[in-house]
């Protein structure tokens, strides 16, 4: 009898695990933010930042709204977190496989060197974190793109 009970507990536990994993994929986007570590080349106070997170179907899941400058990011400083406005109907499964974009909109010549960490939080307590080191955005090449969230 003891072995039968253990087998039932194991099978029920396995089903709960599978059900729980599927539930995480349908979790809805709750909030998000991005943090920057400015490196040897700072961002000027007049340069605006555009941050957008795209789902695998091309829709926007999160973005900074309104787009703004966030002031000067001096050399070798931590900047943020910058809160992102999210589409709360977006499921984690649709965000996975998507991409994100960080774009500068400079007034004049700009070269900003940075690393960043993007965090997306879901209503079931899970989160996706994506970071990259040593990125460069400039007037001539203003977009930094990250893929495969």
Protein backbone atom coordinates (compact mmCIF):
# COMPACT_ATOMS: atom_id res chain seq x y z
CA UNK A 1 0.00 0.00 0.00
CA UNK A 2 2.85 2.40 0.85
CA UNK A 3 4.35 1.98 -2.65
CA UNK A 4 0.97 2.62 -4.29
CA UNK A 5 0.56 5.88 -2.33
CA UNK A 6 4.11 6.95 -3.24
CA UNK A 7 3.41 6.19 -6.91
CA UNK A 8 0.19 8.23 -6.83
CA UNK A 9 1.95 11.15 -5.14
CA UNK A 10 4.71 10.97 -7.75
CA UNK A 11 2.23 10.92 -10.66
CA UNK A 12 0.10 13.73 -9.18
CA UNK A 13 3.24 15.74 -8.44
CA UNK A 14 4.44 15.26 -12.02
CA UNK A 15 1.12 16.46 -13.40
CA UNK A 16 1.24 19.52 -11.16
CA UNK A 17 4.74 20.31 -12.37
CA UNK A 18 3.69 20.06 -15.99
CA UNK A 19 0.58 22.17 -15.34
CA UNK A 20 2.67 24.73 -13.45
CA UNK A 21 5.20 25.05 -16.27
CA UNK A 22 2.42 25.68 -18.79
CA UNK A 23 0.88 28.27 -16.47
CA UNK A 24 4.17 30.22 -16.43
CA UNK A 25 4.02 30.54 -20.23
CA UNK A 26 0.56 32.14 -20.08
CA UNK A 27 1.52 34.57 -17.29
CA UNK A 28 0.76 38.19 -18.20
CA UNK A 29 3.31 40.99 -18.33
CA UNK A 30 2.99 43.07 -15.15
CA UNK A 31 5.82 45.61 -15.36
CA UNK A 32 9.32 46.14 -16.61
CA UNK A 33 12.36 48.37 -16.38
CA UNK A 34 15.83 48.89 -17.82
CA UNK A 35 19.06 49.89 -16.12
CA UNK A 36 22.20 51.23 -17.78
CA UNK A 37 25.86 51.28 -16.83
CA UNK A 38 27.44 54.05 -18.83
CA UNK A 39 31.01 53.26 -19.81
CA UNK A 40 33.78 55.51 -21.21
CA UNK A 41 31.48 57.61 -23.42
CA UNK A 42 28.56 59.31 -21.66
CA UNK A 43 25.15 60.27 -23.01
CA UNK A 44 24.51 63.99 -23.44
CA UNK A 45 21.61 65.51 -21.49
CA UNK A 46 19.75 66.47 -24.69
CA UNK A 47 19.82 62.98 -26.25
CA UNK A 48 16.46 61.24 -26.05
CA UNK A 49 16.13 57.49 -25.42
CA UNK A 50 13.62 55.25 -27.16
CA UNK A 51 13.22 51.79 -25.57
CA UNK A 52 10.84 49.20 -27.02
CA UNK A 53 10.28 45.49 -26.33
CA UNK A 54 8.67 43.52 -29.17
CA UNK A 55 6.80 40.22 -29.02
CA UNK A 56 7.61 37.45 -31.47
CA UNK A 57 4.51 38.48 -33.46
CA UNK A 58 5.88 42.03 -33.86
CA UNK A 59 3.56 43.80 -31.39
CA UNK A 60 5.02 46.07 -28.71
CA UNK A 61 4.93 44.55 -25.22
CA UNK A 62 6.72 47.38 -23.36
CA UNK A 63 8.19 50.81 -24.02
CA UNK A 64 9.32 53.95 -22.30
CA UNK A 65 6.42 56.36 -22.41
CA UNK A 66 6.86 59.24 -22.74
CA UNK A 67 10.12 59.21 -24.67
CA UNK A 68 12.52 61.55 -22.92
CA UNK A 69 16.18 62.35 -22.30
CA UNK A 70 16.49 61.17 -18.66
CA UNK A 71 19.26 63.76 -18.34
CA UNK A 72 22.98 63.29 -18.72
CA UNK A 73 24.50 59.84 -18.22
CA UNK A 74 28.05 60.67 -17.15
CA UNK A 75 31.05 58.44 -17.79
CA UNK A 76 31.20 55.32 -15.59
CA UNK A 77 27.85 55.82 -13.84
CA UNK A 78 24.78 53.68 -13.17
CA UNK A 79 21.56 55.09 -14.62
CA UNK A 80 18.00 54.00 -13.98
CA UNK A 81 15.95 52.05 -13.44
CA UNK A 82 13.74 53.48 -16.15
CA UNK A 83 10.20 52.14 -15.83
CA UNK A 84 8.55 50.79 -18.96
CA UNK A 85 4.85 51.05 -19.80
CA UNK A 86 3.61 47.53 -20.55
CA UNK A 87 0.74 45.88 -22.36
CA UNK A 88 -0.72 43.84 -19.50
CA UNK A 89 -2.48 41.46 -21.91
CA UNK A 90 0.86 40.20 -23.24
CA UNK A 91 1.65 36.57 -22.34
CA UNK A 92 5.16 35.45 -21.48
CA UNK A 93 5.05 32.91 -24.31
CA UNK A 94 4.59 35.75 -26.82
CA UNK A 95 7.47 37.78 -25.34
CA UNK A 96 9.85 34.83 -25.52
CA UNK A 97 11.47 34.82 -28.94
CA UNK A 98 10.87 38.53 -29.36
CA UNK A 99 13.44 41.29 -29.38
CA UNK A 100 14.09 44.73 -27.95
CA UNK A 101 15.50 47.98 -29.23
CA UNK A 102 17.34 50.84 -27.58
CA UNK A 103 17.64 53.88 -29.81
CA UNK A 104 19.10 57.30 -29.22
CA UNK A 105 17.73 60.47 -30.77
CA UNK A 106 20.62 62.93 -30.43
CA UNK A 107 20.48 66.67 -31.05
CA UNK A 108 24.06 66.68 -32.38
CA UNK A 109 27.09 64.40 -32.47
CA UNK A 110 26.72 61.56 -29.95
CA UNK A 111 28.64 58.43 -29.01
CA UNK A 112 27.27 56.60 -25.96
CA UNK A 113 28.98 53.45 -24.66
CA UNK A 114 26.95 51.38 -22.21
CA UNK A 115 25.88 48.04 -20.81
CA UNK A 116 22.30 47.35 -19.83
CA UNK A 117 19.92 44.99 -18.06
CA UNK A 118 16.29 44.72 -19.14
CA UNK A 119 13.87 43.10 -16.67
CA UNK A 120 10.29 42.05 -17.46
CA UNK A 121 8.08 40.90 -14.55
CA UNK A 122 5.01 38.70 -14.92
CA UNK A 123 1.90 38.33 -12.78
CA UNK A 124 2.86 34.83 -11.59
CA UNK A 125 6.06 36.11 -9.97
CA UNK A 126 8.40 35.00 -12.77
CA UNK A 127 10.57 37.33 -14.80
CA UNK A 128 12.74 37.51 -17.89
CA UNK A 129 16.07 39.30 -17.61
CA UNK A 130 18.22 40.17 -20.60
CA UNK A 131 21.49 42.08 -20.54
CA UNK A 132 24.31 43.01 -22.86
CA UNK A 133 27.70 44.52 -22.25
CA UNK A 134 29.77 47.01 -24.23
CA UNK A 135 27.18 48.43 -26.63
CA UNK A 136 27.66 51.64 -28.58
CA UNK A 137 24.98 53.96 -29.95
CA UNK A 138 25.98 56.93 -32.08
CA UNK A 139 24.45 59.57 -34.31
CA UNK A 140 25.40 57.52 -37.38
CA UNK A 141 24.32 54.15 -35.85
CA UNK A 142 21.67 54.99 -33.23
CA UNK A 143 20.02 51.56 -32.69
CA UNK A 144 21.14 48.77 -30.37
CA UNK A 145 19.03 45.67 -30.81
CA UNK A 146 18.80 42.57 -28.63
CA UNK A 147 17.14 39.38 -29.86
CA UNK A 148 15.68 36.18 -28.42
CA UNK A 149 14.27 37.27 -25.10
